[in-house]
Amino acid sequence: MKKIFFSILASIAFTAVADAQETVYPAAKQTNPVFIMNGTVHVGNGQVLNNTSVEIRDGKITNIGAGIAASADAFKVDAKGKHVYPGLILANSNLGLVEVNSIRATIDETEIGEYNPSIRSLVAYNTDSKVINTLKTNGITHANIVPQGGIISGSSSVVQLDAWNWEDAAYAADNNIIMNMPALYNRPSRFGGFGGGQGPQVDPLKRGLEQIEEIKDFFRAAKAYNAQAVKTQTNIKFQAVEGLFSKRQKLYIRCNVVREILAAIDFKNEFGFDIVLLGAAESYQVGDILKRNNIPVILSQMHALPTLADDGIDLPYQLPALLQKAGVQFAICDEDGQQRGKNLPFQAGTAAAYGLTKEEALSSITLNAAKILGIADRTGSIETGKDANIVISEGDILDMRSSNISLVMISGRLVSLTDKHKQLYERYMFKYGLK
């Protein structure tokens, strides 16, 4: 019994030491100016400035130019021969809500029930997630944390990825409400007919249309409730969507096929909501309608199979270029459950190989993403007055072979580039005498 007890204590001690070794502390607030010299600056809006320097004070970009001089107290960073980028933005993620997809105890992205607009993903965001640091070392500085499940999942928030707690992390709190569009296409089950079992068969298209009408009834009731000057009773679900009617929030709608996209546009037409489409794999088919209605799209990921069997195998790779040609505003994302967002720049790189220019692809994960998320006045590009969210790479950040991130700044703070992957690499290089 004593041996078992001491073995448990030893195991706990070892785990504590291992966790301590993996800890990466958030960077302290910027004190001295930082001066990045002689780099190739990719602004994020399509411009590229050669042999350019960037001055940063109090977390803000204060000066950009080829002939500017550093102050005596500035911390100088020589970026000669390197590329300077805006911090990358992951526009749709469960980061900090899910740690390990296969372990239920680490999953906190879904609430019970169908209508949960009052649920805030931000307060569940875990700043101690080991996944976060793997994103920073690939140049990602901000992420939109999105809840899942039900019909109305709750509100999403944009976080910066170097924080002690969710209050520190909050960059744009509760600025979007997430809705899942009911399926509007038939998916035959393996048992024949429709549905997922051998019970009564239900036409999913008919059921989907009924659910859409139920959602509209919810928003109609919420509109009437929020229009009352004096409310005799409190309804937290109706209160939670008030920002949609006042334009303080946007409605993010998950949908894929054309029918679902058109149904999403109908919500804009009836309620006047500002909407954003999530996924929207068939959005290229209605690009003119999306442009006319000023509806942006956050794509799921490039490295995926097409939605329909008749689609070209490379359609997901071409989708950004098709939207660009149609004049639709879009952002590229990386929603893969295994990559967990860290391959975001390489998703954009794939789009650059299939029709986008390199700077258009960069904009899709920087300034375009910031515009869609409503934070473009603060980040998304390297411009005077914006937060100093900056990444320096020794090669092309969109190219997996040459990308080598040497510096990441969040609001002027030089953040750590240590992560779990690098620590394991160092550990086993040492173990086998390769270091």
Protein backbone atom coordinates (compact mmCIF):
# COMPACT_ATOMS: atom_id res chain seq x y z
CA MET A 1 0.00 0.00 0.00
CA LYS A 2 2.85 2.40 0.89
CA LYS A 3 4.56 1.65 -2.42
CA ILE A 4 1.37 2.49 -4.30
CA PHE A 5 0.96 5.72 -2.30
CA PHE A 6 4.52 6.88 -2.99
CA SER A 7 4.18 5.90 -6.66
CA ILE A 8 1.11 8.14 -6.95
CA LEU A 9 2.97 11.01 -5.23
CA ALA A 10 5.92 10.55 -7.58
CA SER A 11 3.59 10.56 -10.58
CA ILE A 12 1.91 13.77 -9.41
CA ALA A 13 5.30 15.41 -8.80
CA PHE A 14 6.57 14.39 -12.24
CA THR A 15 3.39 15.74 -13.88
CA ALA A 16 3.75 19.02 -11.99
CA VAL A 17 7.36 19.40 -13.12
CA ALA A 18 6.44 18.54 -16.71
CA ASP A 19 3.61 21.09 -16.69
CA ALA A 20 5.96 23.70 -15.24
CA GLN A 21 8.43 23.07 -18.05
CA GLU A 22 5.67 23.59 -20.61
CA THR A 23 4.46 26.86 -19.09
CA VAL A 24 4.80 29.95 -21.25
CA TYR A 25 4.13 33.23 -19.46
CA PRO A 26 2.35 36.12 -21.16
CA ALA A 27 4.67 38.98 -22.06
CA ALA A 28 4.77 42.15 -19.97
CA LYS A 29 3.38 45.43 -21.28
CA GLN A 30 5.66 47.30 -23.67
CA THR A 31 7.81 49.94 -21.96
CA ASN A 32 10.60 50.98 -24.36
CA PRO A 33 9.98 51.77 -28.04
CA VAL A 34 10.64 48.99 -30.57
CA PHE A 35 12.20 49.79 -33.94
CA ILE A 36 12.01 47.18 -36.71
CA MET A 37 14.57 48.12 -39.35
CA ASN A 38 14.97 47.56 -43.08
CA GLY A 39 12.37 44.82 -43.57
CA THR A 40 10.07 43.96 -46.46
CA VAL A 41 6.76 45.14 -45.01
CA HIS A 42 3.59 43.43 -46.22
CA VAL A 43 0.97 45.97 -45.13
CA GLY A 44 -2.00 43.58 -45.42
CA ASN A 45 -3.99 45.71 -47.86
CA GLY A 46 -2.07 44.55 -50.93
CA GLN A 47 0.88 46.91 -50.57
CA VAL A 48 4.48 45.74 -50.15
CA LEU A 49 7.06 48.25 -48.86
CA ASN A 50 10.68 47.34 -49.44
CA ASN A 51 13.54 48.32 -47.10
CA THR A 52 11.07 49.87 -44.67
CA SER A 53 11.21 50.44 -40.92
CA VAL A 54 8.39 50.38 -38.37
CA GLU A 55 8.38 52.25 -35.05
CA ILE A 56 6.24 51.02 -32.15
CA ARG A 57 5.40 52.89 -28.93
CA ASP A 58 2.98 51.99 -26.13
CA GLY A 59 1.65 49.06 -28.13
CA LYS A 60 0.81 51.16 -31.20
CA ILE A 61 2.44 51.61 -34.60
CA THR A 62 3.62 55.23 -34.59
CA ASN A 63 5.73 55.55 -37.73
CA ILE A 64 6.43 53.66 -40.97
CA GLY A 65 8.95 54.59 -43.61
CA ALA A 66 12.25 54.02 -45.37
CA GLY A 67 14.14 56.97 -43.95
CA ILE A 68 12.97 57.16 -40.34
CA ALA A 69 15.49 56.96 -37.51
CA ALA A 70 15.29 55.04 -34.24
CA SER A 71 15.21 56.89 -30.94
CA ALA A 72 18.11 56.34 -28.53
CA ASP A 73 16.03 54.27 -26.10
CA ALA A 74 14.48 52.00 -28.75
CA PHE A 75 14.93 48.24 -28.85
CA LYS A 76 16.18 47.63 -32.40
CA VAL A 77 15.21 44.61 -34.49
CA ASP A 78 17.13 44.14 -37.75
CA ALA A 79 14.71 42.72 -40.32
CA LYS A 80 17.01 43.07 -43.32
CA GLY A 81 16.26 40.23 -45.73
CA LYS A 82 13.17 39.26 -43.70
CA HIS A 83 9.43 39.76 -44.19
CA VAL A 84 7.27 41.79 -41.81
CA TYR A 85 3.56 40.89 -41.68
CA PRO A 86 0.46 41.88 -39.71
CA GLY A 87 -0.52 39.33 -37.08
CA LEU A 88 -2.64 36.57 -38.65
CA ILE A 89 -6.29 36.20 -37.61
CA LEU A 90 -8.11 32.86 -37.22
CA ALA A 91 -11.67 33.93 -38.00
CA ASN A 92 -13.56 30.82 -36.81
CA SER A 93 -12.19 28.52 -34.12
CA ASN A 94 -12.97 26.47 -31.00
CA LEU A 95 -9.53 27.35 -29.60
CA GLY A 96 -9.56 27.38 -25.81
CA LEU A 97 -12.94 25.63 -25.76
CA VAL A 98 -11.63 22.22 -26.86
CA GLU A 99 -8.26 20.84 -25.82
CA VAL A 100 -8.39 17.22 -27.04
CA ASN A 101 -11.19 16.33 -29.45
CA SER A 102 -11.44 12.74 -28.23
CA ILE A 103 -11.55 13.53 -24.49
CA ARG A 104 -14.97 14.73 -23.38
CA ALA A 105 -13.72 16.36 -20.18
CA THR A 106 -11.68 18.84 -22.23
CA ILE A 107 -14.60 19.90 -24.47
CA ASP A 108 -16.58 22.99 -23.50
CA GLU A 109 -17.93 24.35 -26.78
CA THR A 110 -21.57 23.20 -26.73
CA GLU A 111 -24.48 24.03 -24.40
CA ILE A 112 -27.61 21.91 -23.90
CA GLY A 113 -30.68 23.16 -25.76
CA GLU A 114 -31.48 24.61 -29.18
CA TYR A 115 -31.71 28.36 -28.45
CA ASN A 116 -28.79 29.67 -26.40
CA PRO A 117 -28.05 33.25 -27.57
CA SER A 118 -27.14 34.26 -24.01
CA ILE A 119 -24.23 31.78 -23.85
CA ARG A 120 -20.85 33.55 -24.00
CA SER A 121 -17.97 31.56 -25.43
CA LEU A 122 -15.54 34.13 -24.02
CA VAL A 123 -16.02 33.15 -20.36
CA ALA A 124 -15.23 29.50 -21.20
CA TYR A 125 -12.02 30.40 -23.06
CA ASN A 126 -9.05 28.60 -21.47
CA THR A 127 -5.92 30.75 -21.75
CA ASP A 128 -3.81 27.84 -20.42
CA SER A 129 -4.54 25.68 -23.47
CA LYS A 130 -1.38 24.07 -24.86
CA VAL A 131 -2.78 24.57 -28.36
CA ILE A 132 -2.59 28.38 -28.19
CA ASN A 133 1.20 28.59 -28.26
CA THR A 134 1.40 26.37 -31.36
CA LEU A 135 -0.65 29.02 -33.19
CA LYS A 136 1.49 31.94 -32.06
CA THR A 137 4.64 30.26 -33.38
CA ASN A 138 2.98 30.15 -36.81
CA GLY A 139 2.23 33.87 -36.74
CA ILE A 140 -1.39 33.80 -35.50
CA THR A 141 -2.05 36.55 -32.95
CA HIS A 142 -5.87 36.67 -32.74
CA ALA A 143 -8.77 34.23 -33.02
CA ASN A 144 -12.55 34.40 -33.09
CA ILE A 145 -13.81 31.94 -30.45
CA VAL A 146 -17.05 30.40 -31.69
CA PRO A 147 -19.53 28.21 -29.75
CA GLN A 148 -21.13 25.15 -31.34
CA GLY A 149 -24.36 23.20 -31.17
CA GLY A 150 -28.09 23.80 -31.25
CA ILE A 151 -29.77 26.28 -33.56
CA ILE A 152 -28.51 29.48 -31.93
CA SER A 153 -25.23 28.57 -30.22
CA GLY A 154 -24.40 31.83 -28.39
CA SER A 155 -22.02 34.73 -28.88
CA SER A 156 -18.46 34.59 -30.21
CA SER A 157 -15.60 36.87 -29.20
CA VAL A 158 -12.23 37.81 -30.65
CA VAL A 159 -9.28 37.11 -28.34
CA GLN A 160 -5.59 37.94 -28.46
CA LEU A 161 -3.44 34.88 -27.86
CA ASP A 162 -1.10 36.04 -25.08
CA ALA A 163 -3.13 36.44 -21.90
CA TRP A 164 -3.39 35.36 -18.26
CA ASN A 165 -7.16 34.92 -18.29
CA TRP A 166 -10.20 35.48 -20.49
CA GLU A 167 -10.58 39.08 -19.28
CA ASP A 168 -7.03 39.84 -20.48
CA ALA A 169 -7.62 37.95 -23.72
CA ALA A 170 -10.81 39.78 -24.73
CA TYR A 171 -10.19 41.90 -27.82
CA ALA A 172 -13.76 42.27 -29.10
CA ALA A 173 -16.30 40.76 -26.69
CA ASP A 174 -19.61 39.22 -27.75
CA ASN A 175 -19.68 40.96 -31.13
CA ASN A 176 -21.37 38.11 -33.02
CA ILE A 177 -24.28 35.69 -32.53
CA ILE A 178 -23.82 32.21 -34.03
CA MET A 179 -26.67 30.41 -35.81
CA ASN A 180 -26.69 26.98 -37.44
CA MET A 181 -28.89 26.87 -40.54
CA PRO A 182 -31.08 23.73 -40.61
CA ALA A 183 -30.10 21.32 -43.38
CA LEU A 184 -31.98 21.93 -46.63
CA TYR A 185 -30.89 18.89 -48.59
CA ASN A 186 -31.73 15.21 -48.45
CA ARG A 187 -29.18 12.82 -47.03
CA PRO A 188 -30.40 9.22 -47.51
CA SER A 189 -29.56 6.99 -44.58
CA ARG A 190 -27.85 3.64 -44.91
CA PHE A 191 -31.17 2.04 -43.90
CA GLY A 192 -32.93 3.55 -46.94
CA GLY A 193 -35.17 6.59 -47.07
CA PHE A 194 -34.37 9.61 -44.91
CA GLY A 195 -33.30 10.02 -41.32
CA GLY A 196 -30.73 8.22 -39.23
CA GLY A 197 -32.53 5.07 -38.17
CA GLN A 198 -35.37 2.65 -38.83
CA GLY A 199 -38.10 4.75 -37.16
CA PRO A 200 -40.67 6.96 -38.89
CA GLN A 201 -39.18 8.59 -41.96
CA VAL A 202 -39.07 12.40 -42.01
CA ASP A 203 -38.29 14.48 -45.07
CA PRO A 204 -35.28 16.55 -43.88
CA LEU A 205 -35.99 19.30 -46.42
CA LYS A 206 -39.53 19.77 -45.11
CA ARG A 207 -38.30 19.65 -41.51
CA GLY A 208 -35.56 22.16 -42.31
CA LEU A 209 -38.05 24.66 -43.73
CA GLU A 210 -40.23 24.25 -40.64
CA GLN A 211 -37.24 24.92 -38.37
CA ILE A 212 -36.33 28.05 -40.33
CA GLU A 213 -39.84 29.39 -39.73
CA GLU A 214 -39.46 28.59 -36.01
CA ILE A 215 -36.19 30.57 -35.94
CA LYS A 216 -37.90 33.51 -37.62
CA ASP A 217 -40.68 33.36 -35.03
CA PHE A 218 -38.00 33.57 -32.33
CA PHE A 219 -36.46 36.68 -33.89
CA ARG A 220 -39.89 38.26 -34.45
CA ALA A 221 -40.71 37.79 -30.78
CA ALA A 222 -37.26 39.12 -29.79
CA LYS A 223 -37.76 42.20 -31.98
CA ALA A 224 -41.11 42.94 -30.33
CA TYR A 225 -39.64 42.38 -26.85
CA ASN A 226 -36.66 44.69 -27.41
CA ALA A 227 -38.90 47.38 -28.93
CA GLN A 228 -40.81 47.72 -25.63
CA ALA A 229 -39.97 50.91 -23.75
CA VAL A 230 -40.89 49.26 -20.44
CA LYS A 231 -40.48 45.52 -20.05
CA THR A 232 -42.76 43.85 -17.53
CA GLN A 233 -40.67 40.68 -17.43
CA THR A 234 -37.11 39.69 -18.27
CA ASN A 235 -36.24 37.34 -21.13
CA ILE A 236 -32.47 36.84 -21.26
CA LYS A 237 -32.61 35.07 -24.64
CA PHE A 238 -34.40 37.98 -26.27
CA GLN A 239 -32.10 40.46 -24.54
CA ALA A 240 -29.04 38.60 -25.83
CA VAL A 241 -29.95 39.27 -29.50
CA GLU A 242 -30.79 42.97 -29.07
CA GLY A 243 -27.42 43.82 -30.62
CA LEU A 244 -28.49 42.23 -33.90
CA PHE A 245 -31.32 44.75 -34.28
CA SER A 246 -29.16 47.71 -33.20
CA LYS A 247 -26.30 46.60 -35.53
CA ARG A 248 -23.94 46.23 -32.58
CA GLN A 249 -23.64 42.53 -33.42
CA LYS A 250 -23.56 40.45 -36.59
CA LEU A 251 -25.38 37.17 -37.19
CA TYR A 252 -22.95 34.44 -38.25
CA ILE A 253 -24.82 31.68 -40.06
CA ARG A 254 -23.30 28.25 -40.68
CA CYS A 255 -24.49 26.96 -44.06
CA ASN A 256 -23.08 25.22 -47.12
CA VAL A 257 -25.40 24.54 -50.06
CA VAL A 258 -27.08 27.18 -52.21
CA ARG A 259 -30.53 26.63 -50.68
CA GLU A 260 -29.16 27.29 -47.20
CA ILE A 261 -27.25 30.37 -48.38
CA LEU A 262 -30.41 31.84 -49.95
CA ALA A 263 -32.33 31.11 -46.74
CA ALA A 264 -29.60 32.96 -44.81
CA ILE A 265 -29.96 35.99 -47.09
CA ASP A 266 -33.69 35.97 -46.31
CA PHE A 267 -32.85 36.70 -42.65
CA LYS A 268 -31.02 39.83 -43.77
CA ASN A 269 -33.94 40.90 -45.93
CA GLU A 270 -36.60 40.38 -43.27
CA PHE A 271 -34.79 41.56 -40.13
CA GLY A 272 -32.11 43.85 -41.54
CA PHE A 273 -29.35 41.90 -39.79
CA ASP A 274 -25.72 42.21 -40.78
CA ILE A 275 -24.91 38.60 -41.61
CA VAL A 276 -21.73 36.61 -42.28
CA LEU A 277 -21.71 33.12 -43.79
CA LEU A 278 -19.59 30.40 -42.17
CA GLY A 279 -18.45 27.59 -44.44
CA ALA A 280 -20.60 28.39 -47.50
CA ALA A 281 -18.95 25.79 -49.74
CA GLU A 282 -21.29 26.61 -52.64
CA SER A 283 -21.05 30.40 -52.23
CA TYR A 284 -19.27 30.71 -55.60
CA GLN A 285 -22.55 29.78 -57.32
CA VAL A 286 -24.32 32.86 -55.90
CA GLY A 287 -21.38 35.27 -55.78
CA ASP A 288 -23.31 38.04 -57.55
CA ILE A 289 -26.13 37.82 -54.98
CA LEU A 290 -23.68 37.91 -52.07
CA LYS A 291 -21.92 40.94 -53.52
CA ARG A 292 -25.20 42.75 -54.14
CA ASN A 293 -26.28 42.14 -50.54
CA ASN A 294 -22.82 42.95 -49.12
CA ILE A 295 -22.54 39.58 -47.38
CA PRO A 296 -19.03 38.34 -46.50
CA VAL A 297 -17.95 34.71 -46.16
CA ILE A 298 -15.60 32.93 -43.74
CA LEU A 299 -14.46 29.78 -45.56
CA SER A 300 -13.82 26.62 -43.57
CA GLN A 301 -10.49 25.51 -45.05
CA MET A 302 -8.76 24.86 -48.34
CA HIS A 303 -7.46 21.39 -47.53
CA ALA A 304 -10.80 19.60 -47.83
CA LEU A 305 -12.86 17.52 -50.22
CA PRO A 306 -15.61 19.18 -52.28
CA THR A 307 -19.18 19.10 -51.00
CA LEU A 308 -20.70 17.23 -53.94
CA ALA A 309 -19.45 14.15 -55.77
CA ASP A 310 -19.69 15.93 -59.13
CA ASP A 311 -17.52 18.87 -58.03
CA GLY A 312 -13.91 19.13 -59.17
CA ILE A 313 -11.49 17.71 -56.61
CA ASP A 314 -9.67 21.06 -56.45
CA LEU A 315 -12.81 23.19 -56.04
CA PRO A 316 -12.05 24.06 -52.37
CA TYR A 317 -8.63 25.32 -53.50
CA GLN A 318 -10.21 27.51 -56.19
CA LEU A 319 -13.08 28.84 -54.05
CA PRO A 320 -11.23 31.95 -52.71
CA ALA A 321 -10.23 33.01 -56.23
CA LEU A 322 -13.82 32.53 -57.44
CA LEU A 323 -15.12 34.75 -54.63
CA GLN A 324 -12.38 37.31 -55.28
CA LYS A 325 -13.41 37.45 -58.93
CA ALA A 326 -17.06 37.91 -57.93
CA GLY A 327 -16.14 40.79 -55.61
CA VAL A 328 -17.26 38.97 -52.44
CA GLN A 329 -15.40 39.81 -49.24
CA PHE A 330 -14.04 36.64 -47.64
CA ALA A 331 -11.63 35.28 -45.06
CA ILE A 332 -9.80 31.96 -45.15
CA CYS A 333 -9.83 29.76 -42.06
CA ASP A 334 -8.41 26.47 -40.80
CA GLU A 335 -11.09 24.47 -39.00
CA ASP A 336 -9.40 21.08 -39.20
CA GLY A 337 -9.83 19.19 -35.94
CA GLN A 338 -6.26 17.90 -36.03
CA GLN A 339 -4.39 21.00 -37.23
CA ARG A 340 -6.40 23.16 -34.78
CA GLY A 341 -5.75 26.35 -36.77
CA LYS A 342 -1.95 26.32 -36.79
CA ASN A 343 -1.81 25.74 -40.56
CA LEU A 344 -3.82 28.89 -41.31
CA PRO A 345 -1.02 30.59 -43.32
CA PHE A 346 -0.52 27.45 -45.42
CA GLN A 347 -4.26 27.26 -46.17
CA ALA A 348 -3.93 30.78 -47.58
CA GLY A 349 -0.80 29.67 -49.44
CA THR A 350 -2.81 26.96 -51.18
CA ALA A 351 -5.34 29.59 -52.29
CA ALA A 352 -2.43 31.62 -53.67
CA ALA A 353 -1.44 28.63 -55.80
CA TYR A 354 -4.98 28.41 -57.21
CA GLY A 355 -5.76 31.90 -58.45
CA LEU A 356 -5.17 34.46 -55.71
CA THR A 357 -2.07 36.66 -55.66
CA LYS A 358 0.18 36.30 -52.61
CA GLU A 359 -1.00 39.64 -51.19
CA GLU A 360 -4.68 38.80 -51.76
CA ALA A 361 -4.15 35.53 -49.92
CA LEU A 362 -2.42 37.39 -47.07
CA SER A 363 -5.30 39.88 -46.86
CA SER A 364 -7.74 36.98 -46.47
CA ILE A 365 -6.13 36.06 -43.13
CA THR A 366 -5.32 39.60 -41.97
CA LEU A 367 -7.19 42.74 -43.07
CA ASN A 368 -10.21 41.01 -44.66
CA ALA A 369 -10.65 38.86 -41.56
CA ALA A 370 -10.38 41.96 -39.36
CA LYS A 371 -13.02 43.78 -41.43
CA ILE A 372 -15.44 40.87 -41.20
CA LEU A 373 -14.89 40.57 -37.43
CA GLY A 374 -15.29 44.33 -36.91
CA ILE A 375 -11.76 44.97 -35.60
CA ALA A 376 -10.13 46.52 -38.70
CA ASP A 377 -9.83 49.90 -36.96
CA ARG A 378 -7.37 48.30 -34.53
CA THR A 379 -5.60 45.47 -36.35
CA GLY A 380 -5.29 43.50 -39.59
CA SER A 381 -2.69 45.71 -41.28
CA ILE A 382 0.56 47.52 -40.55
CA GLU A 383 -0.63 51.13 -40.50
CA THR A 384 0.05 54.10 -38.25
CA GLY A 385 -2.29 54.23 -35.25
CA LYS A 386 -3.15 50.54 -35.21
CA ASP A 387 -2.16 48.03 -32.53
CA ALA A 388 1.33 46.64 -33.08
CA ASN A 389 0.32 43.07 -33.91
CA ILE A 390 3.31 42.13 -36.03
CA VAL A 391 5.03 38.96 -37.23
CA ILE A 392 8.53 38.66 -38.73
CA SER A 393 9.40 35.65 -40.87
CA GLU A 394 12.73 34.72 -42.41
CA GLY A 395 10.86 33.41 -45.47
CA ASP A 396 7.43 33.54 -47.10
CA ILE A 397 4.90 33.08 -44.29
CA LEU A 398 2.45 31.38 -46.70
CA ASP A 399 5.00 28.73 -47.72
CA MET A 400 5.42 25.77 -45.38
CA ARG A 401 8.95 25.12 -46.68
CA SER A 402 10.40 28.59 -46.12
CA SER A 403 8.29 30.07 -43.32
CA ASN A 404 10.37 30.50 -40.17
CA ILE A 405 8.83 32.85 -37.62
CA SER A 406 11.49 34.74 -35.66
CA LEU A 407 9.39 37.36 -33.86
CA VAL A 408 5.76 37.84 -32.85
CA MET A 409 4.36 40.99 -31.26
CA ILE A 410 0.90 41.41 -29.76
CA SER A 411 0.06 45.04 -28.93
CA GLY A 412 3.77 45.82 -28.91
CA ARG A 413 4.66 42.98 -26.53
CA LEU A 414 7.34 40.53 -27.66
CA VAL A 415 5.66 37.20 -26.96
CA SER A 416 7.31 33.83 -26.34
CA LEU A 417 7.75 31.50 -29.31
CA THR A 418 8.01 28.39 -27.15
CA ASP A 419 5.35 25.71 -27.56
CA LYS A 420 4.68 22.05 -26.77
CA HIS A 421 5.87 20.91 -30.20
CA LYS A 422 9.23 22.67 -29.92
CA GLN A 423 9.77 21.37 -26.38
CA LEU A 424 9.16 17.78 -27.48
CA TYR A 425 11.48 18.27 -30.44
CA GLU A 426 14.25 19.55 -28.14
CA ARG A 427 13.61 16.75 -25.64
CA TYR A 428 14.05 13.92 -28.12
CA MET A 429 16.91 15.58 -29.99
CA PHE A 430 18.69 15.55 -26.61
CA LYS A 431 17.65 12.00 -25.77
CA TYR A 432 19.11 10.54 -28.94
CA GLY A 433 22.24 12.68 -28.92
CA LEU A 434 21.27 14.69 -31.98
CA LYS A 435 21.63 18.07 -30.31
